[in-house]
């Protein structure tokens, strides 16, 4: 089945927080039920001395894709790594993580997705892993390539680095070329256009850089994946597809904590303040 685009949204206008840091919401932190399992996604451009010094998270996961430059991660578990262009970082906050994200000397341009966790996993042990671009398999055809970080696209497949399974791939399509991405009927997805323009989906929705095509589950009883058609315009087209099955649970988010109830949010703050936030 060829998937249709459910709706098109636009990333927010970048805001400059300092001389060396600008960012914008690609996916805003609202309408959690309509976007589940995704909570939000930020696009950041930052260079020293800007960065994100040590800070907490609980109840969710972060998926960070470096588009340009480099990014250094450290956390309380001893996790440490430097991401370069095309690399992905998978971090499960679980019951609690303390981590920092600091740009390399030349700065960094990155996307960071917040992925929800179901209640049964929210208090799991924190973990972290880096994934190198060279380790992500690729599918290709006439005028296109799809690099698979998680999930499956044609013959290319890679296990998800997140605790809650999701798909992530990067599609590059030459001018005038066409390709089809795969997404399961019961998955919600969004395609974020990084450069160029294309006709997307069964209805050939027109998308350009800075826009997001949302793909709601179809409910079709099929074991075969749906196809998302991409027909590039007169310039190279590049976009990232994120996909995952919705989590049918309440979401209560406050700052860096994402839980199911207000009481759990209050407990997260209490644990953070009294030193019982993270596991040793």
C-alpha atoms as a PDB file:
ATOM      1  CA  UNK A   1       0.000   0.000   0.000  1.00  0.00           C
ATOM      2  CA  UNK A   2       1.247   3.470  -0.824  1.00  0.00           C
ATOM      3  CA  UNK A   3       1.107   5.676   2.272  1.00  0.00           C
ATOM      4  CA  UNK A   4      -0.483   9.111   2.068  1.00  0.00           C
ATOM      5  CA  UNK A   5       0.792  12.150   3.911  1.00  0.00           C
ATOM      6  CA  UNK A   6      -1.543  12.844   6.841  1.00  0.00           C
ATOM      7  CA  UNK A   7      -0.509  16.470   7.349  1.00  0.00           C
ATOM      8  CA  UNK A   8       2.356  18.843   6.648  1.00  0.00           C
ATOM      9  CA  UNK A   9       3.944  21.041   9.285  1.00  0.00           C
ATOM     10  CA  UNK A  10       6.817  23.500   9.184  1.00  0.00           C
ATOM     11  CA  UNK A  11       9.790  23.652  11.525  1.00  0.00           C
ATOM     12  CA  UNK A  12       9.855  26.794  13.644  1.00  0.00           C
ATOM     13  CA  UNK A  13      12.023  29.775  12.741  1.00  0.00           C
ATOM     14  CA  UNK A  14      15.489  29.381  14.346  1.00  0.00           C
ATOM     15  CA  UNK A  15      15.936  31.426  17.519  1.00  0.00           C
ATOM     16  CA  UNK A  16      19.320  32.677  18.660  1.00  0.00           C
ATOM     17  CA  UNK A  17      19.940  32.142  22.370  1.00  0.00           C
ATOM     18  CA  UNK A  18      23.491  33.490  22.226  1.00  0.00           C
ATOM     19  CA  UNK A  19      26.153  34.504  19.743  1.00  0.00           C
ATOM     20  CA  UNK A  20      27.158  30.839  19.363  1.00  0.00           C
ATOM     21  CA  UNK A  21      23.805  29.011  19.717  1.00  0.00           C
ATOM     22  CA  UNK A  22      20.661  28.945  17.597  1.00  0.00           C
ATOM     23  CA  UNK A  23      17.911  26.331  17.671  1.00  0.00           C
ATOM     24  CA  UNK A  24      14.364  25.574  16.648  1.00  0.00           C
ATOM     25  CA  UNK A  25      11.579  23.100  17.259  1.00  0.00           C
ATOM     26  CA  UNK A  26      11.146  20.679  14.389  1.00  0.00           C
ATOM     27  CA  UNK A  27       8.549  18.742  16.405  1.00  0.00           C
ATOM     28  CA  UNK A  28       7.082  20.902  19.188  1.00  0.00           C
ATOM     29  CA  UNK A  29       6.542  19.511  22.689  1.00  0.00           C
ATOM     30  CA  UNK A  30       2.741  19.364  22.528  1.00  0.00           C
ATOM     31  CA  UNK A  31      -0.080  17.178  21.173  1.00  0.00           C
ATOM     32  CA  UNK A  32       1.694  14.111  22.515  1.00  0.00           C
ATOM     33  CA  UNK A  33      -1.155  11.732  21.668  1.00  0.00           C
ATOM     34  CA  UNK A  34      -1.214  12.833  18.020  1.00  0.00           C
ATOM     35  CA  UNK A  35       2.565  12.435  17.710  1.00  0.00           C
ATOM     36  CA  UNK A  36       3.169   9.335  19.874  1.00  0.00           C
ATOM     37  CA  UNK A  37       5.699   7.777  20.380  1.00  0.00           C
ATOM     38  CA  UNK A  38       7.580  11.001  19.566  1.00  0.00           C
ATOM     39  CA  UNK A  39       7.703  13.762  22.165  1.00  0.00           C
ATOM     40  CA  UNK A  40       9.643  16.524  20.417  1.00  0.00           C
ATOM     41  CA  UNK A  41      12.642  17.185  18.174  1.00  0.00           C
ATOM     42  CA  UNK A  42      15.065  20.112  18.264  1.00  0.00           C
ATOM     43  CA  UNK A  43      17.489  21.292  15.617  1.00  0.00           C
ATOM     44  CA  UNK A  44      20.560  23.005  17.083  1.00  0.00           C
ATOM     45  CA  UNK A  45      23.512  24.961  15.716  1.00  0.00           C
ATOM     46  CA  UNK A  46      26.059  25.634  18.457  1.00  0.00           C
ATOM     47  CA  UNK A  47      29.756  26.199  19.005  1.00  0.00           C
ATOM     48  CA  UNK A  48      31.985  26.845  22.026  1.00  0.00           C
ATOM     49  CA  UNK A  49      31.416  28.252  24.558  1.00  0.00           C
ATOM     50  CA  UNK A  50      27.743  27.235  24.101  1.00  0.00           C
ATOM     51  CA  UNK A  51      26.645  23.713  24.928  1.00  0.00           C
ATOM     52  CA  UNK A  52      24.615  21.629  27.332  1.00  0.00           C
ATOM     53  CA  UNK A  53      26.565  21.052  30.573  1.00  0.00           C
ATOM     54  CA  UNK A  54      25.551  18.207  32.882  1.00  0.00           C
ATOM     55  CA  UNK A  55      21.764  17.970  33.265  1.00  0.00           C
ATOM     56  CA  UNK A  56      19.168  15.278  34.129  1.00  0.00           C
ATOM     57  CA  UNK A  57      16.545  13.253  32.247  1.00  0.00           C
ATOM     58  CA  UNK A  58      14.059  10.591  33.302  1.00  0.00           C
ATOM     59  CA  UNK A  59      11.398   8.494  31.575  1.00  0.00           C
ATOM     60  CA  UNK A  60      12.416   8.923  27.929  1.00  0.00           C
ATOM     61  CA  UNK A  61      15.152   8.414  25.347  1.00  0.00           C
ATOM     62  CA  UNK A  62      17.152  10.776  23.176  1.00  0.00           C
ATOM     63  CA  UNK A  63      18.214  10.052  19.614  1.00  0.00           C
ATOM     64  CA  UNK A  64      20.829  12.527  18.373  1.00  0.00           C
ATOM     65  CA  UNK A  65      21.880  12.780  14.728  1.00  0.00           C
ATOM     66  CA  UNK A  66      24.894  14.946  13.879  1.00  0.00           C
ATOM     67  CA  UNK A  67      24.468  16.645  10.513  1.00  0.00           C
ATOM     68  CA  UNK A  68      27.686  18.691  10.539  1.00  0.00           C
ATOM     69  CA  UNK A  69      30.621  19.142  12.916  1.00  0.00           C
ATOM     70  CA  UNK A  70      31.136  17.115  16.092  1.00  0.00           C
ATOM     71  CA  UNK A  71      29.497  16.598  19.481  1.00  0.00           C
ATOM     72  CA  UNK A  72      30.960  15.165  22.697  1.00  0.00           C
ATOM     73  CA  UNK A  73      28.829  13.223  25.201  1.00  0.00           C
ATOM     74  CA  UNK A  74      29.559  12.278  28.823  1.00  0.00           C
ATOM     75  CA  UNK A  75      27.239  10.744  31.401  1.00  0.00           C
ATOM     76  CA  UNK A  76      27.192   9.459  34.975  1.00  0.00           C
ATOM     77  CA  UNK A  77      27.505   5.805  33.860  1.00  0.00           C
ATOM     78  CA  UNK A  78      30.959   6.505  32.418  1.00  0.00           C
ATOM     79  CA  UNK A  79      29.595   6.731  28.892  1.00  0.00           C
ATOM     80  CA  UNK A  80      31.721   8.965  26.692  1.00  0.00           C
ATOM     81  CA  UNK A  81      32.012   9.486  22.966  1.00  0.00           C
ATOM     82  CA  UNK A  82      32.437  11.992  20.153  1.00  0.00           C
ATOM     83  CA  UNK A  83      29.944  12.012  17.300  1.00  0.00           C
ATOM     84  CA  UNK A  84      30.887  13.261  13.841  1.00  0.00           C
ATOM     85  CA  UNK A  85      28.776  14.097  10.804  1.00  0.00           C
ATOM     86  CA  UNK A  86      26.410  11.234  10.006  1.00  0.00           C
ATOM     87  CA  UNK A  87      26.786   9.540  13.412  1.00  0.00           C
ATOM     88  CA  UNK A  88      23.874   8.822  15.776  1.00  0.00           C
ATOM     89  CA  UNK A  89      23.777   8.656  19.558  1.00  0.00           C
ATOM     90  CA  UNK A  90      21.162   6.507  21.320  1.00  0.00           C
ATOM     91  CA  UNK A  91      20.595   7.286  25.008  1.00  0.00           C
ATOM     92  CA  UNK A  92      18.027   5.714  27.304  1.00  0.00           C
ATOM     93  CA  UNK A  93      17.440   7.946  30.325  1.00  0.00           C
ATOM     94  CA  UNK A  94      15.216   5.377  32.037  1.00  0.00           C
ATOM     95  CA  UNK A  95      15.009   6.001  35.780  1.00  0.00           C
ATOM     96  CA  UNK A  96      17.610   8.735  35.503  1.00  0.00           C
ATOM     97  CA  UNK A  97      20.674   9.948  33.672  1.00  0.00           C
ATOM     98  CA  UNK A  98      23.027  12.873  34.212  1.00  0.00           C
ATOM     99  CA  UNK A  99      24.781  13.816  30.978  1.00  0.00           C
ATOM    100  CA  UNK A 100      26.404  16.631  29.034  1.00  0.00           C
ATOM    101  CA  UNK A 101      26.527  17.435  25.327  1.00  0.00           C
ATOM    102  CA  UNK A 102      29.255  19.837  24.221  1.00  0.00           C
ATOM    103  CA  UNK A 103      30.231  20.933  20.705  1.00  0.00           C
ATOM    104  CA  UNK A 104      33.589  20.237  19.117  1.00  0.00           C
ATOM    105  CA  UNK A 105      35.983  23.126  18.344  1.00  0.00           C
ATOM    106  CA  UNK A 106      34.325  23.771  14.991  1.00  0.00           C
ATOM    107  CA  UNK A 107      30.775  23.608  16.353  1.00  0.00           C
ATOM    108  CA  UNK A 108      27.934  21.232  15.510  1.00  0.00           C
ATOM    109  CA  UNK A 109      24.630  21.114  13.643  1.00  0.00           C
ATOM    110  CA  UNK A 110      22.431  18.400  15.115  1.00  0.00           C
ATOM    111  CA  UNK A 111      18.935  16.972  15.437  1.00  0.00           C
ATOM    112  CA  UNK A 112      17.800  15.568  18.771  1.00  0.00           C
ATOM    113  CA  UNK A 113      14.612  13.537  19.031  1.00  0.00           C
ATOM    114  CA  UNK A 114      12.935  12.793  22.353  1.00  0.00           C
ATOM    115  CA  UNK A 115      11.367   9.334  22.144  1.00  0.00           C
ATOM    116  CA  UNK A 116       8.834   8.279  24.760  1.00  0.00           C
ATOM    117  CA  UNK A 117       9.133   5.110  26.834  1.00  0.00           C
ATOM    118  CA  UNK A 118       6.140   3.020  27.935  1.00  0.00           C
ATOM    119  CA  UNK A 119       5.426   2.907  31.676  1.00  0.00           C
ATOM    120  CA  UNK A 120       7.025  -0.542  32.008  1.00  0.00           C
ATOM    121  CA  UNK A 121      10.380   0.877  30.785  1.00  0.00           C
ATOM    122  CA  UNK A 122      10.426   4.347  32.331  1.00  0.00           C
ATOM    123  CA  UNK A 123      12.425   3.231  35.372  1.00  0.00           C
ATOM    124  CA  UNK A 124      14.863   1.013  33.459  1.00  0.00           C
ATOM    125  CA  UNK A 125      18.625   1.375  33.801  1.00  0.00           C
ATOM    126  CA  UNK A 126      20.219   4.227  31.864  1.00  0.00           C
ATOM    127  CA  UNK A 127      22.342   3.286  28.862  1.00  0.00           C
ATOM    128  CA  UNK A 128      24.130   4.945  25.982  1.00  0.00           C
ATOM    129  CA  UNK A 129      25.623   3.925  22.626  1.00  0.00           C
ATOM    130  CA  UNK A 130      27.186   5.641  19.628  1.00  0.00           C
ATOM    131  CA  UNK A 131      26.483   4.490  16.076  1.00  0.00           C
ATOM    132  CA  UNK A 132      28.907   5.428  13.324  1.00  0.00           C
ATOM    133  CA  UNK A 133      27.644   6.395   9.890  1.00  0.00           C
ATOM    134  CA  UNK A 134      29.937   3.779   8.343  1.00  0.00           C
ATOM    135  CA  UNK A 135      28.209   1.061  10.390  1.00  0.00           C
ATOM    136  CA  UNK A 136      24.733   1.920   9.074  1.00  0.00           C
ATOM    137  CA  UNK A 137      23.928  -0.259   6.030  1.00  0.00           C
ATOM    138  CA  UNK A 138      22.604   1.364   2.871  1.00  0.00           C
ATOM    139  CA  UNK A 139      20.109   0.434   0.183  1.00  0.00           C
ATOM    140  CA  UNK A 140      20.524   2.098  -3.203  1.00  0.00           C
ATOM    141  CA  UNK A 141      19.124   2.279  -6.706  1.00  0.00           C
ATOM    142  CA  UNK A 142      19.194   4.558  -9.754  1.00  0.00           C
ATOM    143  CA  UNK A 143      19.719   8.058  -8.379  1.00  0.00           C
ATOM    144  CA  UNK A 144      19.068   7.335  -4.714  1.00  0.00           C
ATOM    145  CA  UNK A 145      20.560   5.971  -1.489  1.00  0.00           C
ATOM    146  CA  UNK A 146      18.938   5.228   1.875  1.00  0.00           C
ATOM    147  CA  UNK A 147      21.171   4.813   4.931  1.00  0.00           C
ATOM    148  CA  UNK A 148      19.493   2.744   7.651  1.00  0.00           C
ATOM    149  CA  UNK A 149      20.321   3.511  11.282  1.00  0.00           C
ATOM    150  CA  UNK A 150      17.418   1.488  12.691  1.00  0.00           C
ATOM    151  CA  UNK A 151      14.725  -0.649  11.099  1.00  0.00           C
ATOM    152  CA  UNK A 152      14.578  -1.963   7.573  1.00  0.00           C
ATOM    153  CA  UNK A 153      14.582  -0.448   4.114  1.00  0.00           C
ATOM    154  CA  UNK A 154      14.633  -3.036   1.347  1.00  0.00           C
ATOM    155  CA  UNK A 155      17.613  -5.316   1.868  1.00  0.00           C
ATOM    156  CA  UNK A 156      19.278  -2.979   4.385  1.00  0.00           C
ATOM    157  CA  UNK A 157      18.451  -3.638   8.032  1.00  0.00           C
ATOM    158  CA  UNK A 158      19.860  -2.538  11.406  1.00  0.00           C
ATOM    159  CA  UNK A 159      18.664  -3.166  14.948  1.00  0.00           C
ATOM    160  CA  UNK A 160      17.344  -0.141  16.838  1.00  0.00           C
ATOM    161  CA  UNK A 161      19.706   1.386  19.370  1.00  0.00           C
ATOM    162  CA  UNK A 162      16.756   2.613  21.429  1.00  0.00           C
ATOM    163  CA  UNK A 163      15.058   0.562  24.146  1.00  0.00           C
ATOM    164  CA  UNK A 164      11.670   1.267  22.579  1.00  0.00           C
ATOM    165  CA  UNK A 165      12.026   0.124  18.960  1.00  0.00           C
ATOM    166  CA  UNK A 166      11.885   2.757  16.242  1.00  0.00           C
ATOM    167  CA  UNK A 167      13.036   3.228  12.679  1.00  0.00           C
ATOM    168  CA  UNK A 168      15.472   5.853  11.456  1.00  0.00           C
ATOM    169  CA  UNK A 169      16.875   6.294   7.968  1.00  0.00           C
ATOM    170  CA  UNK A 170      18.338   9.062   5.820  1.00  0.00           C
ATOM    171  CA  UNK A 171      17.278   9.265   2.174  1.00  0.00           C
ATOM    172  CA  UNK A 172      19.298  11.067  -0.503  1.00  0.00           C
ATOM    173  CA  UNK A 173      17.646  11.373  -3.934  1.00  0.00           C
ATOM    174  CA  UNK A 174      19.214  12.939  -7.026  1.00  0.00           C
ATOM    175  CA  UNK A 175      17.240  15.516  -9.046  1.00  0.00           C
ATOM    176  CA  UNK A 176      14.353  13.890 -10.909  1.00  0.00           C
ATOM    177  CA  UNK A 177      14.945  10.458  -9.360  1.00  0.00           C
ATOM    178  CA  UNK A 178      12.365   8.464  -7.413  1.00  0.00           C
ATOM    179  CA  UNK A 179      12.569   6.017  -4.532  1.00  0.00           C
ATOM    180  CA  UNK A 180      10.233   4.408  -2.008  1.00  0.00           C
ATOM    181  CA  UNK A 181      10.765   4.151   1.736  1.00  0.00           C
ATOM    182  CA  UNK A 182       9.160   1.474   3.902  1.00  0.00           C
ATOM    183  CA  UNK A 183       6.990   2.013   6.976  1.00  0.00           C
ATOM    184  CA  UNK A 184       4.847  -0.588   8.768  1.00  0.00           C
ATOM    185  CA  UNK A 185       1.050  -0.042   8.637  1.00  0.00           C
ATOM    186  CA  UNK A 186       0.839   0.206  12.446  1.00  0.00           C
ATOM    187  CA  UNK A 187       3.668   2.765  12.713  1.00  0.00           C
ATOM    188  CA  UNK A 188       3.474   6.534  12.882  1.00  0.00           C
ATOM    189  CA  UNK A 189       6.245   8.357  11.100  1.00  0.00           C
ATOM    190  CA  UNK A 190       7.480  11.777  10.138  1.00  0.00           C
ATOM    191  CA  UNK A 191       9.760  12.785   7.291  1.00  0.00           C
ATOM    192  CA  UNK A 192      11.881  15.879   7.914  1.00  0.00           C
ATOM    193  CA  UNK A 193      13.218  17.518   4.768  1.00  0.00           C
ATOM    194  CA  UNK A 194      16.791  18.752   5.199  1.00  0.00           C
ATOM    195  CA  UNK A 195      17.423  19.992   1.669  1.00  0.00           C
ATOM    196  CA  UNK A 196      15.706  20.185  -1.690  1.00  0.00           C
ATOM    197  CA  UNK A 197      12.070  19.522  -2.536  1.00  0.00           C
ATOM    198  CA  UNK A 198      10.050  16.478  -3.540  1.00  0.00           C
ATOM    199  CA  UNK A 199       6.611  15.086  -4.236  1.00  0.00           C
ATOM    200  CA  UNK A 200       5.924  12.780  -1.291  1.00  0.00           C
ATOM    201  CA  UNK A 201       3.432   9.971  -0.742  1.00  0.00           C
ATOM    202  CA  UNK A 202       0.563   8.506  -2.723  1.00  0.00           C
ATOM    203  CA  UNK A 203      -0.972  11.966  -3.138  1.00  0.00           C
ATOM    204  CA  UNK A 204       2.325  13.570  -4.291  1.00  0.00           C
ATOM    205  CA  UNK A 205       2.288  16.150  -1.501  1.00  0.00           C
ATOM    206  CA  UNK A 206       4.767  18.956  -2.222  1.00  0.00           C
ATOM    207  CA  UNK A 207       7.462  19.208   0.480  1.00  0.00           C
ATOM    208  CA  UNK A 208      10.515  21.408   0.738  1.00  0.00           C
ATOM    209  CA  UNK A 209      13.404  21.971   3.138  1.00  0.00           C
ATOM    210  CA  UNK A 210      12.234  22.779   6.665  1.00  0.00           C
ATOM    211  CA  UNK A 211       8.907  20.965   6.322  1.00  0.00           C
ATOM    212  CA  UNK A 212       7.682  17.790   8.014  1.00  0.00           C
ATOM    213  CA  UNK A 213       5.323  15.203   6.511  1.00  0.00           C
ATOM    214  CA  UNK A 214       3.399  13.266   9.173  1.00  0.00           C
ATOM    215  CA  UNK A 215       2.329   9.704   8.411  1.00  0.00           C
ATOM    216  CA  UNK A 216      -0.337   8.316  10.724  1.00  0.00           C
ATOM    217  CA  UNK A 217      -0.879   4.535  11.101  1.00  0.00           C
ATOM    218  CA  UNK A 218      -3.284   3.144   8.521  1.00  0.00           C
ATOM    219  CA  UNK A 219      -4.654   0.315  10.660  1.00  0.00           C
ATOM    220  CA  UNK A 220      -4.321  -2.048   7.714  1.00  0.00           C
ATOM    221  CA  UNK A 221      -4.069  -5.715   8.677  1.00  0.00           C
ATOM    222  CA  UNK A 222      -0.980  -6.518   6.660  1.00  0.00           C
ATOM    223  CA  UNK A 223       2.434  -7.940   7.413  1.00  0.00           C
ATOM    224  CA  UNK A 224       3.845  -6.098   4.402  1.00  0.00           C
ATOM    225  CA  UNK A 225       5.235  -2.579   4.863  1.00  0.00           C
ATOM    226  CA  UNK A 226       3.607   0.426   3.275  1.00  0.00           C
ATOM    227  CA  UNK A 227       5.581   2.421   0.700  1.00  0.00           C
ATOM    228  CA  UNK A 228       6.326   6.121   0.981  1.00  0.00           C
ATOM    229  CA  UNK A 229       7.121   7.433  -2.482  1.00  0.00           C
ATOM    230  CA  UNK A 230       9.679  10.230  -2.950  1.00  0.00           C
ATOM    231  CA  UNK A 231      10.100  12.020  -6.300  1.00  0.00           C
ATOM    232  CA  UNK A 232      12.873  14.612  -6.106  1.00  0.00           C
ATOM    233  CA  UNK A 233      12.560  17.997  -7.768  1.00  0.00           C
ATOM    234  CA  UNK A 234      15.260  19.765  -9.748  1.00  0.00           C
ATOM    235  CA  UNK A 235      17.768  19.827  -6.867  1.00  0.00           C
ATOM    236  CA  UNK A 236      19.252  17.083  -4.665  1.00  0.00           C
ATOM    237  CA  UNK A 237      16.773  15.984  -1.997  1.00  0.00           C
ATOM    238  CA  UNK A 238      17.712  14.788   1.485  1.00  0.00           C
ATOM    239  CA  UNK A 239      15.363  13.837   4.304  1.00  0.00           C
ATOM    240  CA  UNK A 240      15.279  11.791   7.518  1.00  0.00           C
ATOM    241  CA  UNK A 241      12.424   9.383   8.255  1.00  0.00           C
ATOM    242  CA  UNK A 242      11.579   8.548  11.881  1.00  0.00           C
ATOM    243  CA  UNK A 243       8.977   5.857  12.621  1.00  0.00           C
ATOM    244  CA  UNK A 244       7.575   3.897  15.554  1.00  0.00           C
ATOM    245  CA  UNK A 245       4.419   2.363  16.991  1.00  0.00           C
ATOM    246  CA  UNK A 246       2.315   4.754  19.094  1.00  0.00           C
ATOM    247  CA  UNK A 247       2.288   4.273  22.870  1.00  0.00           C
ATOM    248  CA  UNK A 248      -1.294   4.415  24.151  1.00  0.00           C
ATOM    249  CA  UNK A 249      -0.562   5.861  27.596  1.00  0.00           C
ATOM    250  CA  UNK A 250      -0.930   9.277  29.243  1.00  0.00           C
ATOM    251  CA  UNK A 251       2.056  11.614  28.981  1.00  0.00           C
ATOM    252  CA  UNK A 252       2.994  14.113  31.671  1.00  0.00           C
ATOM    253  CA  UNK A 253       6.101  16.108  30.773  1.00  0.00           C
ATOM    254  CA  UNK A 254       7.826  18.756  32.844  1.00  0.00           C
ATOM    255  CA  UNK A 255      11.264  20.034  31.886  1.00  0.00           C
ATOM    256  CA  UNK A 256      13.638  17.090  31.372  1.00  0.00           C
ATOM    257  CA  UNK A 257      11.260  14.490  32.891  1.00  0.00           C
ATOM    258  CA  UNK A 258       8.552  12.570  30.997  1.00  0.00           C
ATOM    259  CA  UNK A 259       6.307  10.280  33.040  1.00  0.00           C
ATOM    260  CA  UNK A 260       2.673   9.083  33.124  1.00  0.00           C
ATOM    261  CA  UNK A 261       1.374  11.018  36.142  1.00  0.00           C
ATOM    262  CA  UNK A 262       1.950  14.281  38.004  1.00  0.00           C
ATOM    263  CA  UNK A 263       2.886  12.259  41.105  1.00  0.00           C
ATOM    264  CA  UNK A 264       5.708  10.586  39.147  1.00  0.00           C
ATOM    265  CA  UNK A 265       6.980  13.993  38.010  1.00  0.00           C
ATOM    266  CA  UNK A 266       7.020  15.221  41.621  1.00  0.00           C
ATOM    267  CA  UNK A 267       8.902  12.068  42.615  1.00  0.00           C
ATOM    268  CA  UNK A 268      11.457  12.673  39.858  1.00  0.00           C
ATOM    269  CA  UNK A 269      12.164  16.163  41.215  1.00  0.00           C
ATOM    270  CA  UNK A 270      12.342  14.835  44.776  1.00  0.00           C
ATOM    271  CA  UNK A 271      14.767  12.088  43.742  1.00  0.00           C
ATOM    272  CA  UNK A 272      16.905  14.598  41.872  1.00  0.00           C
ATOM    273  CA  UNK A 273      17.052  16.944  44.847  1.00  0.00           C
ATOM    274  CA  UNK A 274      17.787  14.288  47.466  1.00  0.00           C
ATOM    275  CA  UNK A 275      20.465  12.386  45.537  1.00  0.00           C
ATOM    276  CA  UNK A 276      18.372   9.294  44.757  1.00  0.00           C
ATOM    277  CA  UNK A 277      17.939  10.116  41.067  1.00  0.00           C
ATOM    278  CA  UNK A 278      20.456   7.834  39.349  1.00  0.00           C
ATOM    279  CA  UNK A 279      21.712   4.320  39.899  1.00  0.00           C
ATOM    280  CA  UNK A 280      25.354   3.831  40.774  1.00  0.00           C
END
